[in-house]
Amino acid sequence: MKFFKIILGLLLVSTLIFYIGNIKMFKATNYFIEQLDSSYRSYGLGGIDHTEKTLNFNSPMLVTPVGRLIIIKIDKPVNENRYKLIKSTLEIRYALNKKNINNIYINKGGTVCIDCRR
């Protein structure tokens, strides 16, 4: 029982550290989602001009709106598990925002997408 509590505690602490480390990514995704809800109908293909660069735990990340999708890409080689962790964190972050977000998924190119299509 004590071992289970230790493992659960370590998992909770690591999740919290990852979440705190992604605050800049959340600020960027929040901004783009809010803009799609108020100012923009779509970023179109020119959304690349709006790319936000963040540095999370020494991993440079690019947050780019394209159309009504928001694409999160780690700008260095990483394994698939890192993207799965980002996807899970975003799903938790936006679980209650069903009005603006349809889906969060890992696309064929390996990046995480937030689907804001209506």
C-alpha atoms as a PDB file:
ATOM      1  CA  MET A   1       0.000   0.000   0.000  1.00  0.00           C
ATOM      2  CA  LYS A   2       2.834   2.394   0.865  1.00  0.00           C
ATOM      3  CA  PHE A   3       4.563   1.608  -2.449  1.00  0.00           C
ATOM      4  CA  PHE A   4       1.346   2.455  -4.322  1.00  0.00           C
ATOM      5  CA  LYS A   5       1.109   5.818  -2.538  1.00  0.00           C
ATOM      6  CA  ILE A   6       4.728   6.631  -3.402  1.00  0.00           C
ATOM      7  CA  ILE A   7       4.196   5.784  -7.087  1.00  0.00           C
ATOM      8  CA  LEU A   8       0.962   7.793  -7.161  1.00  0.00           C
ATOM      9  CA  GLY A   9       2.717  10.744  -5.502  1.00  0.00           C
ATOM     10  CA  LEU A  10       5.586  10.640  -8.017  1.00  0.00           C
ATOM     11  CA  LEU A  11       3.141  10.498 -10.900  1.00  0.00           C
ATOM     12  CA  LEU A  12       1.206  13.469  -9.521  1.00  0.00           C
ATOM     13  CA  VAL A  13       4.385  15.522  -8.978  1.00  0.00           C
ATOM     14  CA  SER A  14       5.718  14.751 -12.469  1.00  0.00           C
ATOM     15  CA  THR A  15       2.372  15.691 -14.028  1.00  0.00           C
ATOM     16  CA  LEU A  16       2.320  18.941 -12.055  1.00  0.00           C
ATOM     17  CA  ILE A  17       5.885  19.796 -13.120  1.00  0.00           C
ATOM     18  CA  PHE A  18       5.029  19.085 -16.766  1.00  0.00           C
ATOM     19  CA  TYR A  19       1.877  21.207 -16.494  1.00  0.00           C
ATOM     20  CA  ILE A  20       3.761  24.147 -14.952  1.00  0.00           C
ATOM     21  CA  GLY A  21       6.464  23.823 -17.607  1.00  0.00           C
ATOM     22  CA  ASN A  22       3.844  24.218 -20.328  1.00  0.00           C
ATOM     23  CA  ILE A  23       2.294  27.457 -19.086  1.00  0.00           C
ATOM     24  CA  LYS A  24       3.741  29.397 -22.049  1.00  0.00           C
ATOM     25  CA  MET A  25       2.279  26.863 -24.462  1.00  0.00           C
ATOM     26  CA  PHE A  26      -1.106  27.212 -22.719  1.00  0.00           C
ATOM     27  CA  LYS A  27      -0.939  31.001 -22.994  1.00  0.00           C
ATOM     28  CA  ALA A  28      -0.369  30.720 -26.748  1.00  0.00           C
ATOM     29  CA  THR A  29      -3.096  28.110 -27.312  1.00  0.00           C
ATOM     30  CA  ASN A  30      -5.551  30.074 -25.128  1.00  0.00           C
ATOM     31  CA  TYR A  31      -4.852  33.225 -27.128  1.00  0.00           C
ATOM     32  CA  PHE A  32      -5.438  31.537 -30.501  1.00  0.00           C
ATOM     33  CA  ILE A  33      -8.611  29.786 -29.283  1.00  0.00           C
ATOM     34  CA  GLU A  34      -9.997  33.073 -27.916  1.00  0.00           C
ATOM     35  CA  GLN A  35      -9.187  34.862 -31.191  1.00  0.00           C
ATOM     36  CA  LEU A  36     -11.071  32.202 -33.157  1.00  0.00           C
ATOM     37  CA  ASP A  37     -14.028  32.734 -30.846  1.00  0.00           C
ATOM     38  CA  SER A  38     -14.040  36.531 -31.136  1.00  0.00           C
ATOM     39  CA  SER A  39     -11.831  38.189 -33.775  1.00  0.00           C
ATOM     40  CA  TYR A  40     -11.082  35.611 -36.483  1.00  0.00           C
ATOM     41  CA  ARG A  41     -13.331  33.207 -38.320  1.00  0.00           C
ATOM     42  CA  SER A  42     -10.196  31.428 -39.491  1.00  0.00           C
ATOM     43  CA  TYR A  43      -6.474  32.089 -39.665  1.00  0.00           C
ATOM     44  CA  GLY A  44      -6.369  30.679 -43.195  1.00  0.00           C
ATOM     45  CA  LEU A  45      -3.061  29.477 -44.564  1.00  0.00           C
ATOM     46  CA  GLY A  46      -1.446  32.735 -43.438  1.00  0.00           C
ATOM     47  CA  GLY A  47      -1.642  31.627 -39.816  1.00  0.00           C
ATOM     48  CA  ILE A  48       2.022  30.717 -40.051  1.00  0.00           C
ATOM     49  CA  ASP A  49       2.710  34.443 -39.663  1.00  0.00           C
ATOM     50  CA  HIS A  50       1.156  34.203 -36.165  1.00  0.00           C
ATOM     51  CA  THR A  51       3.431  31.390 -34.914  1.00  0.00           C
ATOM     52  CA  GLU A  52       4.350  31.667 -31.238  1.00  0.00           C
ATOM     53  CA  LYS A  53       7.673  30.231 -30.114  1.00  0.00           C
ATOM     54  CA  THR A  54       7.937  28.993 -26.546  1.00  0.00           C
ATOM     55  CA  LEU A  55      10.644  27.269 -24.548  1.00  0.00           C
ATOM     56  CA  ASN A  56       9.335  24.510 -22.282  1.00  0.00           C
ATOM     57  CA  PHE A  57      11.868  22.493 -20.297  1.00  0.00           C
ATOM     58  CA  ASN A  58      14.588  23.348 -22.832  1.00  0.00           C
ATOM     59  CA  SER A  59      12.374  22.112 -25.666  1.00  0.00           C
ATOM     60  CA  PRO A  60      11.591  24.807 -28.213  1.00  0.00           C
ATOM     61  CA  MET A  61       7.949  24.557 -29.233  1.00  0.00           C
ATOM     62  CA  LEU A  62       6.035  26.194 -32.066  1.00  0.00           C
ATOM     63  CA  VAL A  63       2.318  26.944 -31.688  1.00  0.00           C
ATOM     64  CA  THR A  64       0.823  27.775 -35.089  1.00  0.00           C
ATOM     65  CA  PRO A  65      -2.785  28.473 -36.066  1.00  0.00           C
ATOM     66  CA  VAL A  66      -3.773  27.236 -39.531  1.00  0.00           C
ATOM     67  CA  GLY A  67      -7.382  27.673 -40.549  1.00  0.00           C
ATOM     68  CA  ARG A  68      -9.299  26.657 -37.430  1.00  0.00           C
ATOM     69  CA  LEU A  69      -6.605  24.243 -36.259  1.00  0.00           C
ATOM     70  CA  ILE A  70      -3.869  25.032 -33.752  1.00  0.00           C
ATOM     71  CA  ILE A  71      -0.745  22.969 -34.316  1.00  0.00           C
ATOM     72  CA  ILE A  72       1.821  22.336 -31.566  1.00  0.00           C
ATOM     73  CA  LYS A  73       5.226  21.127 -32.715  1.00  0.00           C
ATOM     74  CA  ILE A  74       8.346  20.460 -30.675  1.00  0.00           C
ATOM     75  CA  ASP A  75      11.153  22.057 -32.643  1.00  0.00           C
ATOM     76  CA  LYS A  76      13.723  19.313 -32.023  1.00  0.00           C
ATOM     77  CA  PRO A  77      13.750  15.542 -32.475  1.00  0.00           C
ATOM     78  CA  VAL A  78      11.762  13.796 -29.716  1.00  0.00           C
ATOM     79  CA  ASN A  79      10.011  10.474 -29.371  1.00  0.00           C
ATOM     80  CA  GLU A  80       6.288   9.917 -29.794  1.00  0.00           C
ATOM     81  CA  ASN A  81       5.730   9.700 -26.028  1.00  0.00           C
ATOM     82  CA  ARG A  82       6.472  13.410 -25.624  1.00  0.00           C
ATOM     83  CA  TYR A  83       3.640  14.267 -28.042  1.00  0.00           C
ATOM     84  CA  LYS A  84       1.316  11.845 -26.237  1.00  0.00           C
ATOM     85  CA  LEU A  85       2.081  13.651 -22.985  1.00  0.00           C
ATOM     86  CA  ILE A  86       1.349  17.043 -24.568  1.00  0.00           C
ATOM     87  CA  LYS A  87      -1.919  15.684 -26.010  1.00  0.00           C
ATOM     88  CA  SER A  88      -2.982  14.326 -22.611  1.00  0.00           C
ATOM     89  CA  THR A  89      -2.136  17.598 -20.889  1.00  0.00           C
ATOM     90  CA  LEU A  90      -4.117  19.597 -23.451  1.00  0.00           C
ATOM     91  CA  GLU A  91      -7.091  17.226 -23.121  1.00  0.00           C
ATOM     92  CA  ILE A  92      -7.113  17.807 -19.367  1.00  0.00           C
ATOM     93  CA  ARG A  93      -6.656  21.562 -19.819  1.00  0.00           C
ATOM     94  CA  TYR A  94      -9.533  21.907 -22.294  1.00  0.00           C
ATOM     95  CA  ALA A  95     -11.858  19.132 -21.080  1.00  0.00           C
ATOM     96  CA  LEU A  96     -14.622  21.599 -20.259  1.00  0.00           C
ATOM     97  CA  ASN A  97     -14.220  23.755 -23.381  1.00  0.00           C
ATOM     98  CA  LYS A  98     -16.477  21.738 -25.687  1.00  0.00           C
ATOM     99  CA  LYS A  99     -17.935  24.939 -27.138  1.00  0.00           C
ATOM    100  CA  ASN A 100     -14.705  25.921 -28.934  1.00  0.00           C
ATOM    101  CA  ILE A 101     -12.765  22.664 -29.221  1.00  0.00           C
ATOM    102  CA  ASN A 102     -13.947  19.615 -31.142  1.00  0.00           C
ATOM    103  CA  ASN A 103     -10.936  17.354 -30.750  1.00  0.00           C
ATOM    104  CA  ILE A 104      -7.291  17.178 -29.719  1.00  0.00           C
ATOM    105  CA  TYR A 105      -5.252  14.614 -31.613  1.00  0.00           C
ATOM    106  CA  ILE A 106      -1.817  13.627 -32.882  1.00  0.00           C
ATOM    107  CA  ASN A 107      -1.793  13.960 -36.663  1.00  0.00           C
ATOM    108  CA  LYS A 108       0.069  11.815 -39.196  1.00  0.00           C
ATOM    109  CA  GLY A 109       2.982  14.264 -39.196  1.00  0.00           C
ATOM    110  CA  GLY A 110       3.495  13.638 -35.475  1.00  0.00           C
ATOM    111  CA  THR A 111       2.392  17.033 -34.168  1.00  0.00           C
ATOM    112  CA  VAL A 112      -0.503  17.737 -31.797  1.00  0.00           C
ATOM    113  CA  CYS A 113      -3.554  19.489 -33.256  1.00  0.00           C
ATOM    114  CA  ILE A 114      -6.368  21.306 -31.507  1.00  0.00           C
ATOM    115  CA  ASP A 115      -9.424  21.213 -33.764  1.00  0.00           C
ATOM    116  CA  CYS A 116     -11.555  24.344 -33.316  1.00  0.00           C
ATOM    117  CA  ARG A 117     -13.800  23.815 -36.355  1.00  0.00           C
ATOM    118  CA  ARG A 118     -17.493  24.477 -35.789  1.00  0.00           C
END
